[in-house]
Amino acid sequence: MYYNQQTGRLGEEEAVKYLTENGYEIIQRNFSCNFGEIDIIAKDVRKDELIFVEVKTRSNQQYGTPGDGVNHYKKKHIFKTAEFFVYINKLENEFMRIDVVEVYIKDDNIFSINHIKQAFD
């Protein structure tokens, strides 16, 4: 497995732990279709909201913050994939949002997490 794949999977695991500890119920991971992939689909049980989560992991900020990796092209695919998930699961009446969870890997696998709610419209 390549370093970037390992880093990404490690980041996703930490994002799942973070979301679970903060009142989110994980509905599905790595949902994919012809439009793209969504890393985590969760439910904020306190607010009864459906959340589509893009996880971005970085070990340094040489190329910007993790959230900077969510460009226009990636946003388009996330929207289309989320719309498809909503359609096939008949969730049109649910309140939804798209979040980005930035995971920073520090020395000795110490993590810092930044949860950006309603990351883009």
PDB file of N, CA and C in Angstrom:
ATOM      1  N   MET A   1       0.844  -1.169   0.000  1.00  0.00           N
ATOM      2  CA  MET A   1       0.000   0.000   0.000  1.00  0.00           C
ATOM      3  C   MET A   1       0.896   1.240   0.000  1.00  0.00           C
ATOM      4  N   TYR A   2       0.531   2.223  -0.776  1.00  0.00           N
ATOM      5  CA  TYR A   2       1.312   3.437  -0.903  1.00  0.00           C
ATOM      6  C   TYR A   2       1.144   4.324   0.322  1.00  0.00           C
ATOM      7  N   TYR A   3       2.117   5.198   0.561  1.00  0.00           N
ATOM      8  CA  TYR A   3       2.109   6.079   1.730  1.00  0.00           C
ATOM      9  C   TYR A   3       0.841   6.933   1.774  1.00  0.00           C
ATOM     10  N   ASN A   4       0.448   7.529   0.635  1.00  0.00           N
ATOM     11  CA  ASN A   4      -0.745   8.381   0.619  1.00  0.00           C
ATOM     12  C   ASN A   4      -2.010   7.594   0.959  1.00  0.00           C
ATOM     13  N   GLN A   5      -2.091   6.346   0.489  1.00  0.00           N
ATOM     14  CA  GLN A   5      -3.247   5.511   0.821  1.00  0.00           C
ATOM     15  C   GLN A   5      -3.268   5.181   2.308  1.00  0.00           C
ATOM     16  N   GLN A   6      -2.106   4.857   2.859  1.00  0.00           N
ATOM     17  CA  GLN A   6      -2.024   4.562   4.290  1.00  0.00           C
ATOM     18  C   GLN A   6      -2.402   5.793   5.107  1.00  0.00           C
ATOM     19  N   THR A   7      -1.902   6.940   4.697  1.00  0.00           N
ATOM     20  CA  THR A   7      -2.207   8.187   5.388  1.00  0.00           C
ATOM     21  C   THR A   7      -3.703   8.469   5.324  1.00  0.00           C
ATOM     22  N   GLY A   8      -4.298   8.293   4.161  1.00  0.00           N
ATOM     23  CA  GLY A   8      -5.732   8.520   3.987  1.00  0.00           C
ATOM     24  C   GLY A   8      -6.577   7.597   4.840  1.00  0.00           C
ATOM     25  N   ARG A   9      -6.223   6.329   4.877  1.00  0.00           N
ATOM     26  CA  ARG A   9      -6.988   5.367   5.689  1.00  0.00           C
ATOM     27  C   ARG A   9      -6.851   5.652   7.178  1.00  0.00           C
ATOM     28  N   LEU A  10      -5.654   6.029   7.574  1.00  0.00           N
ATOM     29  CA  LEU A  10      -5.429   6.394   8.969  1.00  0.00           C
ATOM     30  C   LEU A  10      -6.271   7.618   9.330  1.00  0.00           C
ATOM     31  N   GLY A  11      -6.305   8.585   8.450  1.00  0.00           N
ATOM     32  CA  GLY A  11      -7.114   9.778   8.663  1.00  0.00           C
ATOM     33  C   GLY A  11      -8.597   9.464   8.754  1.00  0.00           C
ATOM     34  N   GLU A  12      -9.075   8.586   7.886  1.00  0.00           N
ATOM     35  CA  GLU A  12     -10.492   8.195   7.929  1.00  0.00           C
ATOM     36  C   GLU A  12     -10.834   7.503   9.242  1.00  0.00           C
ATOM     37  N   GLU A  13      -9.956   6.636   9.719  1.00  0.00           N
ATOM     38  CA  GLU A  13     -10.196   5.951  10.994  1.00  0.00           C
ATOM     39  C   GLU A  13     -10.301   6.961  12.130  1.00  0.00           C
ATOM     40  N   GLU A  14      -9.411   7.943  12.134  1.00  0.00           N
ATOM     41  CA  GLU A  14      -9.438   8.965  13.178  1.00  0.00           C
ATOM     42  C   GLU A  14     -10.686   9.836  13.058  1.00  0.00           C
ATOM     43  N   ALA A  15     -11.111  10.134  11.832  1.00  0.00           N
ATOM     44  CA  ALA A  15     -12.325  10.931  11.623  1.00  0.00           C
ATOM     45  C   ALA A  15     -13.546  10.186  12.135  1.00  0.00           C
ATOM     46  N   VAL A  16     -13.621   8.880  11.896  1.00  0.00           N
ATOM     47  CA  VAL A  16     -14.739   8.069  12.396  1.00  0.00           C
ATOM     48  C   VAL A  16     -14.762   8.098  13.921  1.00  0.00           C
ATOM     49  N   LYS A  17     -13.609   7.934  14.555  1.00  0.00           N
ATOM     50  CA  LYS A  17     -13.541   7.990  16.022  1.00  0.00           C
ATOM     51  C   LYS A  17     -14.020   9.351  16.518  1.00  0.00           C
ATOM     52  N   TYR A  18     -13.523  10.404  15.899  1.00  0.00           N
ATOM     53  CA  TYR A  18     -13.893  11.762  16.289  1.00  0.00           C
ATOM     54  C   TYR A  18     -15.403  11.982  16.159  1.00  0.00           C
ATOM     55  N   LEU A  19     -15.963  11.623  15.018  1.00  0.00           N
ATOM     56  CA  LEU A  19     -17.391  11.831  14.784  1.00  0.00           C
ATOM     57  C   LEU A  19     -18.232  11.035  15.780  1.00  0.00           C
ATOM     58  N   THR A  20     -17.867   9.783  16.014  1.00  0.00           N
ATOM     59  CA  THR A  20     -18.595   8.930  16.949  1.00  0.00           C
ATOM     60  C   THR A  20     -18.560   9.520  18.362  1.00  0.00           C
ATOM     61  N   GLU A  21     -17.397  10.003  18.769  1.00  0.00           N
ATOM     62  CA  GLU A  21     -17.252  10.587  20.101  1.00  0.00           C
ATOM     63  C   GLU A  21     -18.032  11.896  20.238  1.00  0.00           C
ATOM     64  N   ASN A  22     -18.381  12.513  19.117  1.00  0.00           N
ATOM     65  CA  ASN A  22     -19.065  13.796  19.156  1.00  0.00           C
ATOM     66  C   ASN A  22     -20.529  13.715  18.727  1.00  0.00           C
ATOM     67  N   GLY A  23     -21.139  12.554  18.913  1.00  0.00           N
ATOM     68  CA  GLY A  23     -22.576  12.424  18.735  1.00  0.00           C
ATOM     69  C   GLY A  23     -23.057  12.097  17.332  1.00  0.00           C
ATOM     70  N   TYR A  24     -22.188  11.593  16.497  1.00  0.00           N
ATOM     71  CA  TYR A  24     -22.582  11.208  15.143  1.00  0.00           C
ATOM     72  C   TYR A  24     -22.696   9.691  15.057  1.00  0.00           C
ATOM     73  N   GLU A  25     -23.681   9.239  14.332  1.00  0.00           N
ATOM     74  CA  GLU A  25     -23.858   7.815  14.058  1.00  0.00           C
ATOM     75  C   GLU A  25     -23.363   7.581  12.629  1.00  0.00           C
ATOM     76  N   ILE A  26     -22.423   6.678  12.473  1.00  0.00           N
ATOM     77  CA  ILE A  26     -21.882   6.386  11.141  1.00  0.00           C
ATOM     78  C   ILE A  26     -22.880   5.494  10.412  1.00  0.00           C
ATOM     79  N   ILE A  27     -23.332   5.960   9.254  1.00  0.00           N
ATOM     80  CA  ILE A  27     -24.291   5.205   8.447  1.00  0.00           C
ATOM     81  C   ILE A  27     -23.562   4.351   7.421  1.00  0.00           C
ATOM     82  N   GLN A  28     -22.575   4.934   6.769  1.00  0.00           N
ATOM     83  CA  GLN A  28     -21.843   4.192   5.737  1.00  0.00           C
ATOM     84  C   GLN A  28     -20.481   4.837   5.524  1.00  0.00           C
ATOM     85  N   ARG A  29     -19.534   3.999   5.146  1.00  0.00           N
ATOM     86  CA  ARG A  29     -18.193   4.485   4.812  1.00  0.00           C
ATOM     87  C   ARG A  29     -17.888   4.133   3.362  1.00  0.00           C
ATOM     88  N   ASN A  30     -17.142   5.004   2.728  1.00  0.00           N
ATOM     89  CA  ASN A  30     -16.681   4.802   1.358  1.00  0.00           C
ATOM     90  C   ASN A  30     -17.808   4.444   0.393  1.00  0.00           C
ATOM     91  N   PHE A  31     -18.872   5.234   0.429  1.00  0.00           N
ATOM     92  CA  PHE A  31     -19.964   5.052  -0.526  1.00  0.00           C
ATOM     93  C   PHE A  31     -19.487   5.535  -1.886  1.00  0.00           C
ATOM     94  N   SER A  32     -19.624   4.682  -2.889  1.00  0.00           N
ATOM     95  CA  SER A  32     -19.188   5.086  -4.229  1.00  0.00           C
ATOM     96  C   SER A  32     -20.230   4.699  -5.264  1.00  0.00           C
ATOM     97  N   CYS A  33     -20.216   5.469  -6.331  1.00  0.00           N
ATOM     98  CA  CYS A  33     -21.081   5.229  -7.474  1.00  0.00           C
ATOM     99  C   CYS A  33     -20.359   5.828  -8.686  1.00  0.00           C
ATOM    100  N   ASN A  34     -21.026   5.882  -9.809  1.00  0.00           N
ATOM    101  CA  ASN A  34     -20.393   6.418 -11.013  1.00  0.00           C
ATOM    102  C   ASN A  34     -19.997   7.886 -10.882  1.00  0.00           C
ATOM    103  N   PHE A  35     -20.634   8.615  -9.976  1.00  0.00           N
ATOM    104  CA  PHE A  35     -20.361  10.042  -9.816  1.00  0.00           C
ATOM    105  C   PHE A  35     -19.123  10.316  -8.981  1.00  0.00           C
ATOM    106  N   GLY A  36     -18.797   9.412  -8.062  1.00  0.00           N
ATOM    107  CA  GLY A  36     -17.648   9.618  -7.186  1.00  0.00           C
ATOM    108  C   GLY A  36     -17.767   8.821  -5.908  1.00  0.00           C
ATOM    109  N   GLU A  37     -17.070   9.291  -4.880  1.00  0.00           N
ATOM    110  CA  GLU A  37     -17.053   8.594  -3.597  1.00  0.00           C
ATOM    111  C   GLU A  37     -17.211   9.609  -2.473  1.00  0.00           C
ATOM    112  N   ILE A  38     -17.884   9.171  -1.422  1.00  0.00           N
ATOM    113  CA  ILE A  38     -17.978   9.949  -0.190  1.00  0.00           C
ATOM    114  C   ILE A  38     -17.366   9.101   0.913  1.00  0.00           C
ATOM    115  N   ASP A  39     -16.435   9.706   1.650  1.00  0.00           N
ATOM    116  CA  ASP A  39     -15.689   8.965   2.663  1.00  0.00           C
ATOM    117  C   ASP A  39     -16.576   8.446   3.788  1.00  0.00           C
ATOM    118  N   ILE A  40     -17.409   9.346   4.348  1.00  0.00           N
ATOM    119  CA  ILE A  40     -18.250   8.967   5.484  1.00  0.00           C
ATOM    120  C   ILE A  40     -19.627   9.608   5.321  1.00  0.00           C
ATOM    121  N   ILE A  41     -20.650   8.815   5.558  1.00  0.00           N
ATOM    122  CA  ILE A  41     -22.008   9.337   5.636  1.00  0.00           C
ATOM    123  C   ILE A  41     -22.458   9.069   7.061  1.00  0.00           C
ATOM    124  N   ALA A  42     -22.875  10.139   7.737  1.00  0.00           N
ATOM    125  CA  ALA A  42     -23.211  10.028   9.153  1.00  0.00           C
ATOM    126  C   ALA A  42     -24.507  10.774   9.449  1.00  0.00           C
ATOM    127  N   LYS A  43     -25.002  10.540  10.637  1.00  0.00           N
ATOM    128  CA  LYS A  43     -26.205  11.224  11.115  1.00  0.00           C
ATOM    129  C   LYS A  43     -25.839  11.926  12.414  1.00  0.00           C
ATOM    130  N   ASP A  44     -26.104  13.228  12.470  1.00  0.00           N
ATOM    131  CA  ASP A  44     -25.935  13.969  13.707  1.00  0.00           C
ATOM    132  C   ASP A  44     -27.220  13.757  14.484  1.00  0.00           C
ATOM    133  N   VAL A  45     -27.185  12.845  15.442  1.00  0.00           N
ATOM    134  CA  VAL A  45     -28.405  12.441  16.138  1.00  0.00           C
ATOM    135  C   VAL A  45     -28.985  13.555  16.997  1.00  0.00           C
ATOM    136  N   ARG A  46     -28.154  14.507  17.422  1.00  0.00           N
ATOM    137  CA  ARG A  46     -28.655  15.623  18.230  1.00  0.00           C
ATOM    138  C   ARG A  46     -29.500  16.573  17.400  1.00  0.00           C
ATOM    139  N   LYS A  47     -29.138  16.751  16.136  1.00  0.00           N
ATOM    140  CA  LYS A  47     -29.837  17.701  15.266  1.00  0.00           C
ATOM    141  C   LYS A  47     -30.664  17.014  14.195  1.00  0.00           C
ATOM    142  N   ASP A  48     -30.611  15.699  14.140  1.00  0.00           N
ATOM    143  CA  ASP A  48     -31.311  14.924  13.121  1.00  0.00           C
ATOM    144  C   ASP A  48     -30.941  15.403  11.711  1.00  0.00           C
ATOM    145  N   GLU A  49     -29.627  15.486  11.457  1.00  0.00           N
ATOM    146  CA  GLU A  49     -29.107  15.919  10.160  1.00  0.00           C
ATOM    147  C   GLU A  49     -28.296  14.797   9.526  1.00  0.00           C
ATOM    148  N   LEU A  50     -28.413  14.673   8.227  1.00  0.00           N
ATOM    149  CA  LEU A  50     -27.610  13.738   7.454  1.00  0.00           C
ATOM    150  C   LEU A  50     -26.353  14.480   7.002  1.00  0.00           C
ATOM    151  N   ILE A  51     -25.190  13.895   7.277  1.00  0.00           N
ATOM    152  CA  ILE A  51     -23.926  14.570   7.011  1.00  0.00           C
ATOM    153  C   ILE A  51     -23.092  13.742   6.037  1.00  0.00           C
ATOM    154  N   PHE A  52     -22.642  14.391   4.978  1.00  0.00           N
ATOM    155  CA  PHE A  52     -21.711  13.785   4.033  1.00  0.00           C
ATOM    156  C   PHE A  52     -20.345  14.364   4.359  1.00  0.00           C
ATOM    157  N   VAL A  53     -19.384  13.495   4.656  1.00  0.00           N
ATOM    158  CA  VAL A  53     -18.092  13.945   5.160  1.00  0.00           C
ATOM    159  C   VAL A  53     -16.968  13.563   4.192  1.00  0.00           C
ATOM    160  N   GLU A  54     -16.209  14.575   3.797  1.00  0.00           N
ATOM    161  CA  GLU A  54     -14.982  14.366   3.034  1.00  0.00           C
ATOM    162  C   GLU A  54     -13.833  14.485   4.024  1.00  0.00           C
ATOM    163  N   VAL A  55     -13.000  13.455   4.091  1.00  0.00           N
ATOM    164  CA  VAL A  55     -11.859  13.449   5.007  1.00  0.00           C
ATOM    165  C   VAL A  55     -10.602  13.736   4.208  1.00  0.00           C
ATOM    166  N   LYS A  56      -9.841  14.712   4.671  1.00  0.00           N
ATOM    167  CA  LYS A  56      -8.565  15.050   4.041  1.00  0.00           C
ATOM    168  C   LYS A  56      -7.489  14.982   5.110  1.00  0.00           C
ATOM    169  N   THR A  57      -6.429  14.260   4.816  1.00  0.00           N
ATOM    170  CA  THR A  57      -5.360  14.021   5.781  1.00  0.00           C
ATOM    171  C   THR A  57      -4.032  14.518   5.220  1.00  0.00           C
ATOM    172  N   ARG A  58      -3.286  15.198   6.062  1.00  0.00           N
ATOM    173  CA  ARG A  58      -1.959  15.679   5.663  1.00  0.00           C
ATOM    174  C   ARG A  58      -0.985  15.507   6.828  1.00  0.00           C
ATOM    175  N   SER A  59       0.260  15.270   6.476  1.00  0.00           N
ATOM    176  CA  SER A  59       1.295  15.186   7.502  1.00  0.00           C
ATOM    177  C   SER A  59       2.055  16.504   7.619  1.00  0.00           C
ATOM    178  N   ASN A  60       1.869  17.396   6.642  1.00  0.00           N
ATOM    179  CA  ASN A  60       2.443  18.740   6.727  1.00  0.00           C
ATOM    180  C   ASN A  60       1.610  19.667   5.843  1.00  0.00           C
ATOM    181  N   GLN A  61       1.916  20.950   5.903  1.00  0.00           N
ATOM    182  CA  GLN A  61       1.137  21.909   5.129  1.00  0.00           C
ATOM    183  C   GLN A  61       1.936  22.474   3.956  1.00  0.00           C
ATOM    184  N   GLN A  62       2.855  21.686   3.470  1.00  0.00           N
ATOM    185  CA  GLN A  62       3.683  22.110   2.339  1.00  0.00           C
ATOM    186  C   GLN A  62       2.819  22.467   1.128  1.00  0.00           C
ATOM    187  N   TYR A  63       1.722  21.763   0.939  1.00  0.00           N
ATOM    188  CA  TYR A  63       0.827  22.008  -0.197  1.00  0.00           C
ATOM    189  C   TYR A  63      -0.493  22.624   0.254  1.00  0.00           C
ATOM    190  N   GLY A  64      -0.505  23.251   1.420  1.00  0.00           N
ATOM    191  CA  GLY A  64      -1.720  23.866   1.942  1.00  0.00           C
ATOM    192  C   GLY A  64      -2.377  23.002   2.997  1.00  0.00           C
ATOM    193  N   THR A  65      -3.511  23.476   3.479  1.00  0.00           N
ATOM    194  CA  THR A  65      -4.245  22.724   4.486  1.00  0.00           C
ATOM    195  C   THR A  65      -4.927  21.527   3.831  1.00  0.00           C
ATOM    196  N   PRO A  66      -5.330  20.554   4.610  1.00  0.00           N
ATOM    197  CA  PRO A  66      -6.049  19.426   4.012  1.00  0.00           C
ATOM    198  C   PRO A  66      -7.296  19.868   3.248  1.00  0.00           C
ATOM    199  N   GLY A  67      -8.022  20.826   3.801  1.00  0.00           N
ATOM    200  CA  GLY A  67      -9.237  21.313   3.149  1.00  0.00           C
ATOM    201  C   GLY A  67      -8.984  21.950   1.792  1.00  0.00           C
ATOM    202  N   ASP A  68      -7.773  22.456   1.591  1.00  0.00           N
ATOM    203  CA  ASP A  68      -7.427  23.033   0.291  1.00  0.00           C
ATOM    204  C   ASP A  68      -7.465  21.981  -0.820  1.00  0.00           C
ATOM    205  N   GLY A  69      -7.393  20.717  -0.423  1.00  0.00           N
ATOM    206  CA  GLY A  69      -7.436  19.630  -1.395  1.00  0.00           C
ATOM    207  C   GLY A  69      -8.823  19.376  -1.965  1.00  0.00           C
ATOM    208  N   VAL A  70      -9.823  20.043  -1.405  1.00  0.00           N
ATOM    209  CA  VAL A  70     -11.191  19.887  -1.911  1.00  0.00           C
ATOM    210  C   VAL A  70     -11.427  21.022  -2.912  1.00  0.00           C
ATOM    211  N   ASN A  71     -11.045  20.763  -4.138  1.00  0.00           N
ATOM    212  CA  ASN A  71     -11.170  21.774  -5.191  1.00  0.00           C
ATOM    213  C   ASN A  71     -12.557  21.723  -5.846  1.00  0.00           C
ATOM    214  N   HIS A  72     -12.757  22.586  -6.825  1.00  0.00           N
ATOM    215  CA  HIS A  72     -14.051  22.674  -7.512  1.00  0.00           C
ATOM    216  C   HIS A  72     -14.460  21.321  -8.108  1.00  0.00           C
ATOM    217  N   TYR A  73     -13.532  20.630  -8.706  1.00  0.00           N
ATOM    218  CA  TYR A  73     -13.780  19.332  -9.329  1.00  0.00           C
ATOM    219  C   TYR A  73     -14.267  18.324  -8.278  1.00  0.00           C
ATOM    220  N   LYS A  74     -13.577  18.283  -7.129  1.00  0.00           N
ATOM    221  CA  LYS A  74     -13.938  17.350  -6.055  1.00  0.00           C
ATOM    222  C   LYS A  74     -15.307  17.703  -5.469  1.00  0.00           C
ATOM    223  N   LYS A  75     -15.577  19.004  -5.285  1.00  0.00           N
ATOM    224  CA  LYS A  75     -16.875  19.432  -4.760  1.00  0.00           C
ATOM    225  C   LYS A  75     -18.012  18.970  -5.659  1.00  0.00           C
ATOM    226  N   LYS A  76     -17.823  19.111  -6.961  1.00  0.00           N
ATOM    227  CA  LYS A  76     -18.839  18.699  -7.932  1.00  0.00           C
ATOM    228  C   LYS A  76     -19.163  17.212  -7.783  1.00  0.00           C
ATOM    229  N   HIS A  77     -18.128  16.398  -7.633  1.00  0.00           N
ATOM    230  CA  HIS A  77     -18.327  14.952  -7.480  1.00  0.00           C
ATOM    231  C   HIS A  77     -18.998  14.613  -6.143  1.00  0.00           C
ATOM    232  N   ILE A  78     -18.651  15.339  -5.101  1.00  0.00           N
ATOM    233  CA  ILE A  78     -19.277  15.097  -3.804  1.00  0.00           C
ATOM    234  C   ILE A  78     -20.763  15.418  -3.880  1.00  0.00           C
ATOM    235  N   PHE A  79     -21.117  16.565  -4.471  1.00  0.00           N
ATOM    236  CA  PHE A  79     -22.527  16.936  -4.614  1.00  0.00           C
ATOM    237  C   PHE A  79     -23.309  15.877  -5.382  1.00  0.00           C
ATOM    238  N   LYS A  80     -22.784  15.462  -6.528  1.00  0.00           N
ATOM    239  CA  LYS A  80     -23.496  14.481  -7.366  1.00  0.00           C
ATOM    240  C   LYS A  80     -23.639  13.145  -6.642  1.00  0.00           C
ATOM    241  N   THR A  81     -22.602  12.728  -5.955  1.00  0.00           N
ATOM    242  CA  THR A  81     -22.641  11.462  -5.223  1.00  0.00           C
ATOM    243  C   THR A  81     -23.638  11.547  -4.077  1.00  0.00           C
ATOM    244  N   ALA A  82     -23.649  12.660  -3.358  1.00  0.00           N
ATOM    245  CA  ALA A  82     -24.612  12.855  -2.265  1.00  0.00           C
ATOM    246  C   ALA A  82     -26.043  12.847  -2.802  1.00  0.00           C
ATOM    247  N   GLU A  83     -26.276  13.524  -3.918  1.00  0.00           N
ATOM    248  CA  GLU A  83     -27.610  13.530  -4.532  1.00  0.00           C
ATOM    249  C   GLU A  83     -28.055  12.123  -4.888  1.00  0.00           C
ATOM    250  N   PHE A  84     -27.146  11.325  -5.425  1.00  0.00           N
ATOM    251  CA  PHE A  84     -27.468   9.951  -5.791  1.00  0.00           C
ATOM    252  C   PHE A  84     -27.799   9.124  -4.548  1.00  0.00           C
ATOM    253  N   PHE A  85     -27.003   9.277  -3.480  1.00  0.00           N
ATOM    254  CA  PHE A  85     -27.264   8.552  -2.231  1.00  0.00           C
ATOM    255  C   PHE A  85     -28.650   8.907  -1.701  1.00  0.00           C
ATOM    256  N   VAL A  86     -28.977  10.185  -1.702  1.00  0.00           N
ATOM    257  CA  VAL A  86     -30.282  10.653  -1.230  1.00  0.00           C
ATOM    258  C   VAL A  86     -31.391  10.045  -2.084  1.00  0.00           C
ATOM    259  N   TYR A  87     -31.214  10.051  -3.384  1.00  0.00           N
ATOM    260  CA  TYR A  87     -32.224   9.524  -4.313  1.00  0.00           C
ATOM    261  C   TYR A  87     -32.469   8.028  -4.083  1.00  0.00           C
ATOM    262  N   ILE A  88     -31.415   7.228  -4.053  1.00  0.00           N
ATOM    263  CA  ILE A  88     -31.610   5.777  -3.948  1.00  0.00           C
ATOM    264  C   ILE A  88     -32.126   5.358  -2.580  1.00  0.00           C
ATOM    265  N   ASN A  89     -31.914   6.209  -1.570  1.00  0.00           N
ATOM    266  CA  ASN A  89     -32.383   5.888  -0.218  1.00  0.00           C
ATOM    267  C   ASN A  89     -33.650   6.649   0.171  1.00  0.00           C
ATOM    268  N   LYS A  90     -34.219   7.365  -0.798  1.00  0.00           N
ATOM    269  CA  LYS A  90     -35.469   8.117  -0.584  1.00  0.00           C
ATOM    270  C   LYS A  90     -35.390   9.019   0.652  1.00  0.00           C
ATOM    271  N   LEU A  91     -34.350   9.839   0.700  1.00  0.00           N
ATOM    272  CA  LEU A  91     -34.104  10.722   1.836  1.00  0.00           C
ATOM    273  C   LEU A  91     -34.283  12.197   1.472  1.00  0.00           C
ATOM    274  N   GLU A  92     -35.123  12.463   0.480  1.00  0.00           N
ATOM    275  CA  GLU A  92     -35.280  13.827  -0.027  1.00  0.00           C
ATOM    276  C   GLU A  92     -35.738  14.821   1.032  1.00  0.00           C
ATOM    277  N   ASN A  93     -36.420  14.367   2.067  1.00  0.00           N
ATOM    278  CA  ASN A  93     -36.948  15.267   3.089  1.00  0.00           C
ATOM    279  C   ASN A  93     -36.005  15.464   4.276  1.00  0.00           C
ATOM    280  N   GLU A  94     -34.833  14.869   4.217  1.00  0.00           N
ATOM    281  CA  GLU A  94     -33.852  14.996   5.295  1.00  0.00           C
ATOM    282  C   GLU A  94     -33.091  16.318   5.173  1.00  0.00           C
ATOM    283  N   PHE A  95     -32.741  16.908   6.311  1.00  0.00           N
ATOM    284  CA  PHE A  95     -31.850  18.052   6.296  1.00  0.00           C
ATOM    285  C   PHE A  95     -30.438  17.504   6.141  1.00  0.00           C
ATOM    286  N   MET A  96     -29.661  18.072   5.227  1.00  0.00           N
ATOM    287  CA  MET A  96     -28.331  17.551   4.932  1.00  0.00           C
ATOM    288  C   MET A  96     -27.309  18.663   4.874  1.00  0.00           C
ATOM    289  N   ARG A  97     -26.057  18.254   5.057  1.00  0.00           N
ATOM    290  CA  ARG A  97     -24.952  19.184   4.850  1.00  0.00           C
ATOM    291  C   ARG A  97     -23.711  18.389   4.466  1.00  0.00           C
ATOM    292  N   ILE A  98     -22.744  19.106   3.933  1.00  0.00           N
ATOM    293  CA  ILE A  98     -21.467  18.491   3.559  1.00  0.00           C
ATOM    294  C   ILE A  98     -20.380  19.122   4.427  1.00  0.00           C
ATOM    295  N   ASP A  99     -19.653  18.279   5.125  1.00  0.00           N
ATOM    296  CA  ASP A  99     -18.574  18.726   6.001  1.00  0.00           C
ATOM    297  C   ASP A  99     -17.237  18.230   5.470  1.00  0.00           C
ATOM    298  N   VAL A 100     -16.191  18.893   5.903  1.00  0.00           N
ATOM    299  CA  VAL A 100     -14.830  18.423   5.651  1.00  0.00           C
ATOM    300  C   VAL A 100     -14.183  18.213   7.019  1.00  0.00           C
ATOM    301  N   VAL A 101     -13.575  17.069   7.196  1.00  0.00           N
ATOM    302  CA  VAL A 101     -12.806  16.806   8.407  1.00  0.00           C
ATOM    303  C   VAL A 101     -11.341  16.756   7.996  1.00  0.00           C
ATOM    304  N   GLU A 102     -10.595  17.732   8.516  1.00  0.00           N
ATOM    305  CA  GLU A 102      -9.153  17.789   8.249  1.00  0.00           C
ATOM    306  C   GLU A 102      -8.441  17.027   9.357  1.00  0.00           C
ATOM    307  N   VAL A 103      -7.598  16.097   8.961  1.00  0.00           N
ATOM    308  CA  VAL A 103      -6.827  15.325   9.934  1.00  0.00           C
ATOM    309  C   VAL A 103      -5.356  15.629   9.698  1.00  0.00           C
ATOM    310  N   TYR A 104      -4.714  16.136  10.741  1.00  0.00           N
ATOM    311  CA  TYR A 104      -3.288  16.433  10.686  1.00  0.00           C
ATOM    312  C   TYR A 104      -2.539  15.346  11.429  1.00  0.00           C
ATOM    313  N   ILE A 105      -1.621  14.707  10.750  1.00  0.00           N
ATOM    314  CA  ILE A 105      -0.791  13.693  11.390  1.00  0.00           C
ATOM    315  C   ILE A 105       0.471  14.381  11.874  1.00  0.00           C
ATOM    316  N   LYS A 106       0.717  14.222  13.148  1.00  0.00           N
ATOM    317  CA  LYS A 106       1.902  14.832  13.759  1.00  0.00           C
ATOM    318  C   LYS A 106       2.895  13.728  14.101  1.00  0.00           C
ATOM    319  N   ASP A 107       3.975  14.113  14.753  1.00  0.00           N
ATOM    320  CA  ASP A 107       4.984  13.138  15.167  1.00  0.00           C
ATOM    321  C   ASP A 107       4.365  12.029  16.001  1.00  0.00           C
ATOM    322  N   ASP A 108       4.859  10.826  15.794  1.00  0.00           N
ATOM    323  CA  ASP A 108       4.426   9.653  16.564  1.00  0.00           C
ATOM    324  C   ASP A 108       2.918   9.427  16.511  1.00  0.00           C
ATOM    325  N   ASN A 109       2.293   9.687  15.362  1.00  0.00           N
ATOM    326  CA  ASN A 109       0.873   9.428  15.140  1.00  0.00           C
ATOM    327  C   ASN A 109      -0.059  10.168  16.083  1.00  0.00           C
ATOM    328  N   ILE A 110       0.334  11.348  16.523  1.00  0.00           N
ATOM    329  CA  ILE A 110      -0.566  12.178  17.319  1.00  0.00           C
ATOM    330  C   ILE A 110      -1.391  12.987  16.330  1.00  0.00           C
ATOM    331  N   PHE A 111      -2.700  13.014  16.512  1.00  0.00           N
ATOM    332  CA  PHE A 111      -3.588  13.624  15.540  1.00  0.00           C
ATOM    333  C   PHE A 111      -4.167  14.940  16.044  1.00  0.00           C
ATOM    334  N   SER A 112      -4.393  15.805  15.112  1.00  0.00           N
ATOM    335  CA  SER A 112      -5.144  17.031  15.358  1.00  0.00           C
ATOM    336  C   SER A 112      -6.259  17.036  14.327  1.00  0.00           C
ATOM    337  N   ILE A 113      -7.478  17.319  14.755  1.00  0.00           N
ATOM    338  CA  ILE A 113      -8.620  17.259  13.846  1.00  0.00           C
ATOM    339  C   ILE A 113      -9.323  18.600  13.822  1.00  0.00           C
ATOM    340  N   ASN A 114      -9.654  19.052  12.614  1.00  0.00           N
ATOM    341  CA  ASN A 114     -10.417  20.275  12.417  1.00  0.00           C
ATOM    342  C   ASN A 114     -11.673  19.910  11.631  1.00  0.00           C
ATOM    343  N   HIS A 115     -12.831  20.073  12.263  1.00  0.00           N
ATOM    344  CA  HIS A 115     -14.108  19.718  11.643  1.00  0.00           C
ATOM    345  C   HIS A 115     -14.736  20.985  11.081  1.00  0.00           C
ATOM    346  N   ILE A 116     -14.846  21.058   9.769  1.00  0.00           N
ATOM    347  CA  ILE A 116     -15.432  22.215   9.103  1.00  0.00           C
ATOM    348  C   ILE A 116     -16.861  21.827   8.708  1.00  0.00           C
ATOM    349  N   LYS A 117     -17.824  22.365   9.461  1.00  0.00           N
ATOM    350  CA  LYS A 117     -19.226  22.059   9.188  1.00  0.00           C
ATOM    351  C   LYS A 117     -19.728  22.951   8.059  1.00  0.00           C
ATOM    352  N   GLN A 118     -20.637  22.395   7.255  1.00  0.00           N
ATOM    353  CA  GLN A 118     -21.210  23.124   6.095  1.00  0.00           C
ATOM    354  C   GLN A 118     -20.053  23.748   5.315  1.00  0.00           C
ATOM    355  N   ALA A 119     -19.124  22.897   4.905  1.00  0.00           N
ATOM    356  CA  ALA A 119     -17.892  23.356   4.287  1.00  0.00           C
ATOM    357  C   ALA A 119     -18.101  24.133   2.982  1.00  0.00           C
ATOM    358  N   PHE A 120     -19.100  23.769   2.244  1.00  0.00           N
ATOM    359  CA  PHE A 120     -19.418  24.511   1.031  1.00  0.00           C
ATOM    360  C   PHE A 120     -20.880  24.303   0.666  1.00  0.00           C
ATOM    361  N   ASP A 121     -21.419  25.256  -0.063  1.00  0.00           N
ATOM    362  CA  ASP A 121     -22.842  25.207  -0.450  1.00  0.00           C
ATOM    363  C   ASP A 121     -23.038  24.540  -1.774  1.00  0.00           C
TER     364      ASP A 121
END
